């Protein structure tokens, strides 16, 4: 479905959806995450693993991933009609399996129009410091 919003309106909408997504990660709000992540999403994590939506949600559902703190220090949003790219520097504290998360990560998320809704269709994460 085409994007009928202006670039500025799209940026504001995606910024709001990004905050809802991060809040969903922190609160392990699976219904919010399910709503905002596309069924065919692919995610490359900081360890080189490739996860799909169900694998990602299962990691939160099982408690393998537990986020206690998220702070965004820098975010850039670029609009390409019905695709939006978000680059964000994010401090994350929590646990990933047996590993402690306590550092800065660079995230790249791609949002796409899926039917009438904006959803994350792809994402990647790179550790940039502790």
N, C-alpha and C. Protein backbone atom coordinates (compact mmCIF):
# COMPACT_ATOMS: atom_id res chain seq x y z
N UNK A 1 0.85 -1.18 0.00
CA UNK A 1 0.00 0.00 0.00
C UNK A 1 0.89 1.24 0.00
N UNK A 2 0.61 2.20 -0.85
CA UNK A 2 1.46 3.39 -0.91
C UNK A 2 1.35 4.25 0.35
N UNK A 3 2.42 4.98 0.61
CA UNK A 3 2.45 5.91 1.73
C UNK A 3 1.84 7.23 1.28
N UNK A 4 0.77 7.67 1.94
CA UNK A 4 0.10 8.91 1.56
C UNK A 4 0.52 10.09 2.43
N UNK A 5 1.39 9.85 3.41
CA UNK A 5 1.85 10.91 4.30
C UNK A 5 3.03 11.65 3.69
N UNK A 6 3.25 12.88 4.13
CA UNK A 6 4.46 13.61 3.74
C UNK A 6 5.65 12.96 4.42
N UNK A 7 6.86 13.27 3.95
CA UNK A 7 8.05 12.72 4.59
C UNK A 7 8.11 13.10 6.06
N UNK A 8 7.79 14.35 6.39
CA UNK A 8 7.85 14.79 7.78
C UNK A 8 6.82 14.06 8.64
N UNK A 9 5.61 13.88 8.12
CA UNK A 9 4.59 13.13 8.86
C UNK A 9 5.02 11.68 9.06
N UNK A 10 5.64 11.11 8.04
CA UNK A 10 6.12 9.73 8.13
C UNK A 10 7.21 9.61 9.18
N UNK A 11 8.13 10.56 9.20
CA UNK A 11 9.21 10.55 10.20
C UNK A 11 8.64 10.60 11.61
N UNK A 12 7.67 11.47 11.84
CA UNK A 12 7.05 11.58 13.17
C UNK A 12 6.33 10.28 13.54
N UNK A 13 5.63 9.68 12.59
CA UNK A 13 4.92 8.44 12.85
C UNK A 13 5.90 7.31 13.18
N UNK A 14 6.95 7.17 12.38
CA UNK A 14 7.93 6.10 12.60
C UNK A 14 8.66 6.32 13.93
N UNK A 15 8.99 7.57 14.26
CA UNK A 15 9.64 7.85 15.55
C UNK A 15 8.75 7.38 16.70
N UNK A 16 7.45 7.61 16.59
CA UNK A 16 6.51 7.15 17.61
C UNK A 16 6.45 5.61 17.66
N UNK A 17 6.42 4.98 16.50
CA UNK A 17 6.41 3.51 16.45
C UNK A 17 7.70 2.92 17.00
N UNK A 18 8.83 3.60 16.75
CA UNK A 18 10.11 3.15 17.30
C UNK A 18 10.06 3.15 18.83
N UNK A 19 9.50 4.20 19.41
CA UNK A 19 9.38 4.27 20.88
C UNK A 19 8.49 3.16 21.41
N UNK A 20 7.39 2.88 20.71
CA UNK A 20 6.50 1.79 21.12
C UNK A 20 7.22 0.45 21.02
N UNK A 21 8.02 0.27 19.96
CA UNK A 21 8.78 -0.97 19.79
C UNK A 21 9.79 -1.16 20.92
N UNK A 22 10.56 -0.11 21.21
CA UNK A 22 11.55 -0.20 22.28
C UNK A 22 10.89 -0.45 23.63
N UNK A 23 9.76 0.19 23.86
CA UNK A 23 9.01 -0.04 25.10
C UNK A 23 8.51 -1.48 25.16
N UNK A 24 8.10 -2.01 24.01
CA UNK A 24 7.68 -3.41 23.94
C UNK A 24 8.81 -4.36 24.27
N UNK A 25 10.03 -4.04 23.78
CA UNK A 25 11.20 -4.86 24.12
C UNK A 25 11.45 -4.83 25.63
N UNK A 26 11.43 -3.63 26.19
CA UNK A 26 11.74 -3.47 27.61
C UNK A 26 10.70 -4.15 28.51
N UNK A 27 9.44 -4.05 28.14
CA UNK A 27 8.36 -4.61 28.96
C UNK A 27 8.01 -6.06 28.59
N UNK A 28 8.73 -6.60 27.59
CA UNK A 28 8.41 -7.93 27.06
C UNK A 28 6.91 -7.99 26.71
N UNK A 29 6.45 -6.96 26.03
CA UNK A 29 5.06 -6.85 25.61
C UNK A 29 4.91 -7.55 24.25
N UNK A 30 4.63 -8.84 24.30
CA UNK A 30 4.60 -9.65 23.09
C UNK A 30 3.51 -9.23 22.11
N UNK A 31 2.39 -8.73 22.60
CA UNK A 31 1.33 -8.30 21.68
C UNK A 31 1.76 -7.07 20.89
N UNK A 32 2.45 -6.13 21.54
CA UNK A 32 2.97 -4.96 20.84
C UNK A 32 4.04 -5.37 19.83
N UNK A 33 4.96 -6.23 20.26
CA UNK A 33 6.01 -6.69 19.35
C UNK A 33 5.41 -7.43 18.16
N UNK A 34 4.43 -8.28 18.40
CA UNK A 34 3.77 -9.02 17.32
C UNK A 34 3.10 -8.06 16.33
N UNK A 35 2.51 -7.00 16.85
CA UNK A 35 1.83 -6.02 16.01
C UNK A 35 2.81 -5.21 15.15
N UNK A 36 3.98 -4.88 15.70
CA UNK A 36 4.92 -3.99 15.01
C UNK A 36 5.95 -4.71 14.15
N UNK A 37 6.09 -6.02 14.31
CA UNK A 37 7.08 -6.78 13.54
C UNK A 37 6.35 -7.59 12.47
N UNK A 38 6.79 -7.46 11.22
CA UNK A 38 6.17 -8.18 10.10
C UNK A 38 6.43 -9.67 10.21
N UNK A 39 5.49 -10.46 9.72
CA UNK A 39 5.61 -11.91 9.77
C UNK A 39 6.87 -12.42 9.07
N UNK A 40 7.29 -11.82 8.00
CA UNK A 40 8.47 -12.28 7.26
C UNK A 40 9.77 -11.61 7.66
N UNK A 41 9.78 -10.89 8.78
CA UNK A 41 10.95 -10.13 9.21
C UNK A 41 12.18 -11.02 9.38
N UNK A 42 13.35 -10.46 9.00
CA UNK A 42 14.64 -11.09 9.28
C UNK A 42 15.46 -10.15 10.14
N UNK A 43 16.12 -10.72 11.16
CA UNK A 43 16.93 -9.94 12.09
C UNK A 43 18.31 -10.57 12.19
N UNK A 44 19.34 -9.77 11.99
CA UNK A 44 20.73 -10.20 12.19
C UNK A 44 21.17 -9.63 13.53
N UNK A 45 21.45 -10.51 14.51
CA UNK A 45 21.86 -10.02 15.82
C UNK A 45 23.36 -9.73 15.87
N UNK A 46 23.82 -9.23 17.01
CA UNK A 46 25.21 -8.80 17.16
C UNK A 46 26.19 -9.97 17.15
N UNK A 47 25.68 -11.20 17.20
CA UNK A 47 26.55 -12.38 17.18
C UNK A 47 26.56 -13.07 15.82
N UNK A 48 25.88 -12.48 14.84
CA UNK A 48 25.86 -13.04 13.50
C UNK A 48 24.73 -14.01 13.25
N UNK A 49 23.87 -14.21 14.23
CA UNK A 49 22.73 -15.11 14.05
C UNK A 49 21.65 -14.43 13.21
N UNK A 50 20.97 -15.21 12.41
CA UNK A 50 19.84 -14.72 11.62
C UNK A 50 18.56 -15.29 12.24
N UNK A 51 17.70 -14.40 12.68
CA UNK A 51 16.45 -14.80 13.34
C UNK A 51 15.26 -14.32 12.53
N UNK A 52 14.19 -15.10 12.57
CA UNK A 52 12.94 -14.62 12.00
C UNK A 52 12.05 -14.10 13.13
N UNK A 53 10.87 -13.67 12.79
CA UNK A 53 9.98 -13.08 13.80
C UNK A 53 9.69 -14.04 14.94
N UNK A 54 9.33 -15.28 14.62
CA UNK A 54 8.97 -16.23 15.67
C UNK A 54 10.15 -16.54 16.58
N UNK A 55 11.34 -16.68 16.02
CA UNK A 55 12.52 -16.93 16.84
C UNK A 55 12.78 -15.76 17.77
N UNK A 56 12.62 -14.54 17.25
CA UNK A 56 12.84 -13.34 18.06
C UNK A 56 11.81 -13.27 19.19
N UNK A 57 10.54 -13.44 18.86
CA UNK A 57 9.50 -13.38 19.89
C UNK A 57 9.65 -14.51 20.90
N UNK A 58 10.03 -15.70 20.44
CA UNK A 58 10.24 -16.82 21.37
C UNK A 58 11.35 -16.53 22.38
N UNK A 59 12.38 -15.80 21.94
CA UNK A 59 13.48 -15.45 22.85
C UNK A 59 12.98 -14.54 23.97
N UNK A 60 12.06 -13.63 23.66
CA UNK A 60 11.46 -12.78 24.70
C UNK A 60 10.48 -13.58 25.55
N UNK A 61 9.66 -14.40 24.88
CA UNK A 61 8.64 -15.19 25.57
C UNK A 61 9.26 -16.13 26.60
N UNK A 62 10.38 -16.74 26.25
CA UNK A 62 11.03 -17.72 27.13
C UNK A 62 11.87 -17.08 28.23
N UNK A 63 12.11 -15.77 28.12
CA UNK A 63 12.96 -15.10 29.09
C UNK A 63 14.44 -15.14 28.71
N UNK A 64 14.76 -15.71 27.54
CA UNK A 64 16.15 -15.75 27.10
C UNK A 64 16.69 -14.33 26.92
N UNK A 65 15.82 -13.42 26.47
CA UNK A 65 16.19 -12.01 26.37
C UNK A 65 15.36 -11.25 27.40
N UNK A 66 16.05 -10.47 28.20
CA UNK A 66 15.39 -9.61 29.18
C UNK A 66 16.09 -8.26 29.16
N UNK A 67 15.38 -7.23 28.75
CA UNK A 67 15.93 -5.88 28.67
C UNK A 67 15.46 -5.08 29.89
N UNK A 68 16.40 -4.47 30.60
CA UNK A 68 16.02 -3.67 31.77
C UNK A 68 16.16 -2.17 31.52
N UNK A 69 16.97 -1.80 30.53
CA UNK A 69 17.17 -0.38 30.26
C UNK A 69 17.47 -0.18 28.78
N UNK A 70 16.84 0.84 28.19
CA UNK A 70 17.10 1.23 26.80
C UNK A 70 17.12 2.75 26.74
N UNK A 71 18.22 3.29 26.23
CA UNK A 71 18.33 4.74 26.01
C UNK A 71 18.82 4.99 24.60
N UNK A 72 18.09 5.77 23.84
CA UNK A 72 18.50 6.14 22.48
C UNK A 72 19.31 7.42 22.56
N UNK A 73 20.54 7.38 22.04
CA UNK A 73 21.37 8.59 22.06
C UNK A 73 21.37 9.32 20.72
N UNK A 74 21.10 8.60 19.65
CA UNK A 74 21.07 9.22 18.33
C UNK A 74 20.18 8.38 17.43
N UNK A 75 19.33 9.05 16.65
CA UNK A 75 18.45 8.34 15.74
C UNK A 75 18.33 9.14 14.45
N UNK A 76 18.48 8.46 13.33
CA UNK A 76 18.26 9.06 12.02
C UNK A 76 17.17 8.26 11.32
N UNK A 77 16.24 8.98 10.72
CA UNK A 77 15.14 8.34 10.00
C UNK A 77 15.12 8.87 8.58
N UNK A 78 15.16 7.95 7.61
CA UNK A 78 15.14 8.31 6.19
C UNK A 78 13.94 7.66 5.52
N UNK A 79 13.20 8.46 4.77
CA UNK A 79 11.98 7.99 4.11
C UNK A 79 12.25 7.76 2.62
N UNK A 80 11.84 6.59 2.13
CA UNK A 80 11.92 6.25 0.72
C UNK A 80 10.55 5.73 0.29
N UNK A 81 9.61 6.65 0.13
CA UNK A 81 8.23 6.34 -0.22
C UNK A 81 7.60 5.39 0.81
N UNK A 82 7.46 4.10 0.47
CA UNK A 82 6.81 3.15 1.38
C UNK A 82 7.80 2.32 2.20
N UNK A 83 9.06 2.75 2.22
CA UNK A 83 10.10 2.10 3.02
C UNK A 83 10.76 3.19 3.86
N UNK A 84 11.03 2.89 5.12
CA UNK A 84 11.70 3.84 6.01
C UNK A 84 12.86 3.12 6.69
N UNK A 85 14.03 3.76 6.66
CA UNK A 85 15.21 3.20 7.32
C UNK A 85 15.49 4.01 8.58
N UNK A 86 15.70 3.30 9.69
CA UNK A 86 16.02 3.94 10.96
C UNK A 86 17.38 3.43 11.42
N UNK A 87 18.29 4.36 11.67
CA UNK A 87 19.59 4.05 12.26
C UNK A 87 19.60 4.66 13.65
N UNK A 88 19.93 3.84 14.65
CA UNK A 88 19.87 4.34 16.02
C UNK A 88 21.02 3.80 16.85
N UNK A 89 21.63 4.70 17.63
CA UNK A 89 22.62 4.30 18.64
C UNK A 89 21.85 4.15 19.95
N UNK A 90 21.92 2.95 20.52
CA UNK A 90 21.09 2.64 21.67
C UNK A 90 21.93 1.97 22.76
N UNK A 91 21.82 2.49 23.99
CA UNK A 91 22.43 1.83 25.14
C UNK A 91 21.42 0.82 25.66
N UNK A 92 21.86 -0.42 25.82
CA UNK A 92 20.98 -1.49 26.29
C UNK A 92 21.61 -2.18 27.50
N UNK A 93 20.78 -2.40 28.50
CA UNK A 93 21.20 -3.17 29.67
C UNK A 93 20.19 -4.29 29.85
N UNK A 94 20.71 -5.50 30.09
CA UNK A 94 19.84 -6.64 30.28
C UNK A 94 20.61 -7.93 30.11
N UNK A 95 19.92 -8.98 29.70
CA UNK A 95 20.53 -10.30 29.50
C UNK A 95 20.10 -10.89 28.17
N UNK A 96 21.03 -11.60 27.54
CA UNK A 96 20.77 -12.36 26.32
C UNK A 96 21.32 -13.75 26.57
N UNK A 97 20.43 -14.70 26.85
CA UNK A 97 20.83 -16.05 27.29
C UNK A 97 21.67 -15.89 28.55
N UNK A 98 22.91 -16.37 28.54
CA UNK A 98 23.78 -16.26 29.72
C UNK A 98 24.70 -15.06 29.65
N UNK A 99 24.52 -14.21 28.65
CA UNK A 99 25.40 -13.06 28.46
C UNK A 99 24.77 -11.79 29.01
N UNK A 100 25.59 -10.98 29.64
CA UNK A 100 25.15 -9.69 30.15
C UNK A 100 25.20 -8.67 29.02
N UNK A 101 24.12 -7.95 28.82
CA UNK A 101 24.10 -6.83 27.88
C UNK A 101 24.27 -5.57 28.70
N UNK A 102 25.28 -4.80 28.39
CA UNK A 102 25.53 -3.57 29.11
C UNK A 102 26.42 -2.69 28.25
N UNK A 103 25.84 -2.17 27.17
CA UNK A 103 26.67 -1.38 26.28
C UNK A 103 25.86 -0.69 25.20
N UNK A 104 26.61 -0.13 24.27
CA UNK A 104 26.03 0.64 23.18
C UNK A 104 25.99 -0.22 21.92
N UNK A 105 24.86 -0.15 21.24
CA UNK A 105 24.64 -0.93 20.03
C UNK A 105 24.13 -0.01 18.93
N UNK A 106 24.54 -0.31 17.73
CA UNK A 106 24.03 0.41 16.56
C UNK A 106 22.98 -0.47 15.91
N UNK A 107 21.78 0.04 15.80
CA UNK A 107 20.67 -0.70 15.21
C UNK A 107 20.32 -0.10 13.86
N UNK A 108 19.97 -0.96 12.94
CA UNK A 108 19.43 -0.55 11.65
C UNK A 108 18.12 -1.30 11.49
N UNK A 109 17.02 -0.56 11.41
CA UNK A 109 15.72 -1.18 11.22
C UNK A 109 15.11 -0.65 9.93
N UNK A 110 14.45 -1.53 9.20
CA UNK A 110 13.74 -1.15 7.99
C UNK A 110 12.25 -1.36 8.26
N UNK A 111 11.51 -0.27 8.12
CA UNK A 111 10.06 -0.31 8.27
C UNK A 111 9.45 -0.29 6.88
N UNK A 112 8.42 -1.10 6.68
CA UNK A 112 7.72 -1.13 5.40
C UNK A 112 6.22 -1.13 5.62
N UNK A 113 5.53 -0.67 4.61
CA UNK A 113 4.06 -0.66 4.66
C UNK A 113 3.59 -2.08 4.34
N UNK A 114 2.97 -2.74 5.29
CA UNK A 114 2.42 -4.08 5.11
C UNK A 114 0.90 -3.94 5.19
N UNK A 115 0.26 -4.10 4.06
CA UNK A 115 -1.17 -3.79 3.93
C UNK A 115 -1.33 -2.32 4.31
N UNK A 116 -2.00 -2.03 5.41
CA UNK A 116 -2.22 -0.63 5.80
C UNK A 116 -1.32 -0.17 6.93
N UNK A 117 -0.51 -1.07 7.48
CA UNK A 117 0.25 -0.76 8.69
C UNK A 117 1.76 -0.74 8.45
N UNK A 118 2.46 0.11 9.19
CA UNK A 118 3.91 0.13 9.17
C UNK A 118 4.42 -0.96 10.11
N UNK A 119 5.37 -1.76 9.60
CA UNK A 119 5.95 -2.85 10.40
C UNK A 119 7.44 -2.95 10.13
N UNK A 120 8.18 -3.47 11.11
CA UNK A 120 9.60 -3.74 10.92
C UNK A 120 9.70 -4.96 10.01
N UNK A 121 10.39 -4.79 8.86
CA UNK A 121 10.54 -5.90 7.92
C UNK A 121 11.95 -6.48 7.96
N UNK A 122 12.90 -5.72 8.52
CA UNK A 122 14.28 -6.20 8.64
C UNK A 122 14.98 -5.38 9.71
N UNK A 123 15.96 -6.01 10.38
CA UNK A 123 16.72 -5.30 11.41
C UNK A 123 18.08 -5.95 11.58
N UNK A 124 19.03 -5.15 12.04
CA UNK A 124 20.35 -5.68 12.39
C UNK A 124 20.90 -4.89 13.55
N UNK A 125 21.79 -5.53 14.29
CA UNK A 125 22.36 -4.93 15.49
C UNK A 125 23.85 -5.22 15.54
N UNK A 126 24.63 -4.20 15.88
CA UNK A 126 26.08 -4.34 16.02
C UNK A 126 26.50 -3.72 17.34
N UNK A 127 27.32 -4.44 18.10
CA UNK A 127 27.86 -3.90 19.34
C UNK A 127 28.94 -2.89 19.00
N UNK A 128 28.87 -1.68 19.59
CA UNK A 128 29.88 -0.67 19.28
C UNK A 128 30.72 -0.26 20.48
N UNK A 129 30.30 -0.63 21.70
CA UNK A 129 31.11 -0.34 22.89
C UNK A 129 30.46 -0.93 24.12
N UNK A 130 31.23 -0.92 25.21
CA UNK A 130 30.67 -1.32 26.49
C UNK A 130 30.76 -0.17 27.46
